[in-house]
Amino acid sequence: MQLYAIRRRDAWSTPEELKAAAERSTAVGNEMPDEVRWIRSYVVAEEDGTLGTVCIYQAVSPEAIRKHAQRVGMPADEITPVADVVVVRPDPELAAA
C-alpha cells in the first residue's frame, strides 16, 4: 500500500458533523481493510469558518480513496502520494479548550 495525503476542504460546519463523518469513515474503512487504512487526520479551520482536514491514509490507489470517500459521503478534493516522512518532533498535545 502507498501512503497518501488527502485534503478535504470546507467539508463540515460543526465539530459534531465532523465527528459523525469520522464514525462513518471508520465503519466503511473497516469494511475495506485491504484497500484503505485511515492513519490520522489534522482538522484545520478554513477561512470561511468551516472545518476541513488533511488526512493520512494507506491505500492501494487513489481510486480506492475516492471509493471510500464516496461511500462515506465526504469530499476527497486532493489526493497526493506521500514521497517521504520527516519527523522533527512528535505532534504536540493540543491545549484543552
Protein backbone atom coordinates (compact mmCIF):
# COMPACT_ATOMS: atom_id res chain seq x y z
CA MET A 1 0.00 0.00 0.00
CA GLN A 2 1.06 3.57 -0.75
CA LEU A 3 0.83 6.43 1.75
CA TYR A 4 -1.38 9.36 0.64
CA ALA A 5 -2.29 12.80 1.95
CA ILE A 6 -5.94 13.76 1.32
CA ARG A 7 -7.19 17.33 1.57
CA ARG A 8 -10.85 17.76 2.38
CA ARG A 9 -11.78 21.45 2.11
CA ASP A 10 -14.76 23.24 3.67
CA ALA A 11 -16.40 19.90 4.44
CA TRP A 12 -18.02 20.38 7.85
CA SER A 13 -19.83 23.23 9.57
CA THR A 14 -19.50 21.92 13.12
CA PRO A 15 -17.32 19.58 15.15
CA GLU A 16 -20.39 17.32 15.56
CA GLU A 17 -20.69 16.93 11.75
CA LEU A 18 -17.00 16.06 11.59
CA LYS A 19 -17.37 13.51 14.39
CA ALA A 20 -20.29 11.83 12.59
CA ALA A 21 -18.26 11.69 9.36
CA ALA A 22 -15.32 10.19 11.25
CA GLU A 23 -17.56 7.46 12.66
CA ARG A 24 -18.91 6.66 9.16
CA SER A 25 -15.37 6.73 7.77
CA THR A 26 -14.18 4.26 10.38
CA ALA A 27 -17.08 1.89 9.70
CA VAL A 28 -16.62 2.00 5.92
CA GLY A 29 -12.84 1.64 6.27
CA ASN A 30 -13.33 -1.44 8.42
CA GLU A 31 -15.28 -2.95 5.50
CA MET A 32 -12.35 -2.35 3.11
CA PRO A 33 -9.21 -3.13 5.17
CA ASP A 34 -7.26 -4.48 2.19
CA GLU A 35 -7.91 -1.29 0.17
CA VAL A 36 -7.70 1.69 2.56
CA ARG A 37 -6.45 2.36 6.08
CA TRP A 38 -7.01 5.66 7.85
CA ILE A 39 -3.83 6.60 9.72
CA ARG A 40 -4.56 10.11 11.12
CA SER A 41 -6.18 13.43 10.35
CA TYR A 42 -5.43 17.02 11.14
CA VAL A 43 -8.54 19.21 11.45
CA VAL A 44 -8.00 22.68 10.01
CA ALA A 45 -10.00 25.86 10.40
CA GLU A 46 -10.93 27.11 6.93
CA GLU A 47 -11.07 30.82 6.10
CA ASP A 48 -14.88 30.72 5.80
CA GLY A 49 -15.31 29.29 9.32
CA THR A 50 -15.91 25.68 8.24
CA LEU A 51 -13.70 22.75 9.13
CA GLY A 52 -11.53 20.85 6.71
CA THR A 53 -8.98 18.10 7.15
CA VAL A 54 -5.63 16.87 5.98
CA CYS A 55 -5.83 13.09 6.26
CA ILE A 56 -3.10 10.48 6.01
CA TYR A 57 -4.20 7.15 4.56
CA GLN A 58 -2.61 3.99 3.27
CA ALA A 59 -4.35 2.77 0.13
CA VAL A 60 -3.88 0.57 -2.88
CA SER A 61 -4.71 3.51 -5.19
CA PRO A 62 -6.27 6.98 -5.35
CA GLU A 63 -9.38 5.28 -6.76
CA ALA A 64 -9.74 3.25 -3.54
CA ILE A 65 -9.60 6.50 -1.55
CA ARG A 66 -12.25 8.07 -3.80
CA LYS A 67 -14.43 4.96 -3.41
CA HIS A 68 -14.11 5.16 0.37
CA ALA A 69 -14.89 8.90 0.39
CA GLN A 70 -17.93 8.41 -1.85
CA ARG A 71 -19.30 5.65 0.38
CA VAL A 72 -18.81 7.87 3.45
CA GLY A 73 -20.30 10.92 1.74
CA MET A 74 -17.32 13.23 2.17
CA PRO A 75 -15.01 15.01 -0.27
CA ALA A 76 -11.53 13.99 -1.34
CA ASP A 77 -10.51 17.26 -3.00
CA GLU A 78 -6.84 16.45 -3.43
CA ILE A 79 -5.11 13.07 -3.19
CA THR A 80 -1.33 13.24 -3.20
CA PRO A 81 1.14 10.35 -2.81
CA VAL A 82 3.49 10.86 0.15
CA ALA A 83 7.09 10.61 -1.04
CA ASP A 84 8.74 10.55 2.38
CA VAL A 85 8.13 11.31 6.06
CA VAL A 86 10.34 13.64 8.08
CA VAL A 87 9.53 13.84 11.79
CA VAL A 88 11.45 16.58 13.55
CA ARG A 89 9.31 16.43 16.68
CA PRO A 90 6.25 14.37 17.57
CA ASP A 91 2.87 16.07 17.19
CA PRO A 92 2.32 18.33 20.21
CA GLU A 93 -0.57 17.84 22.56
CA LEU A 94 -3.38 20.32 21.91
CA ALA A 95 -4.32 22.69 24.69
CA ALA A 96 -7.58 21.85 26.44
CA ALA A 97 -10.44 24.04 25.23
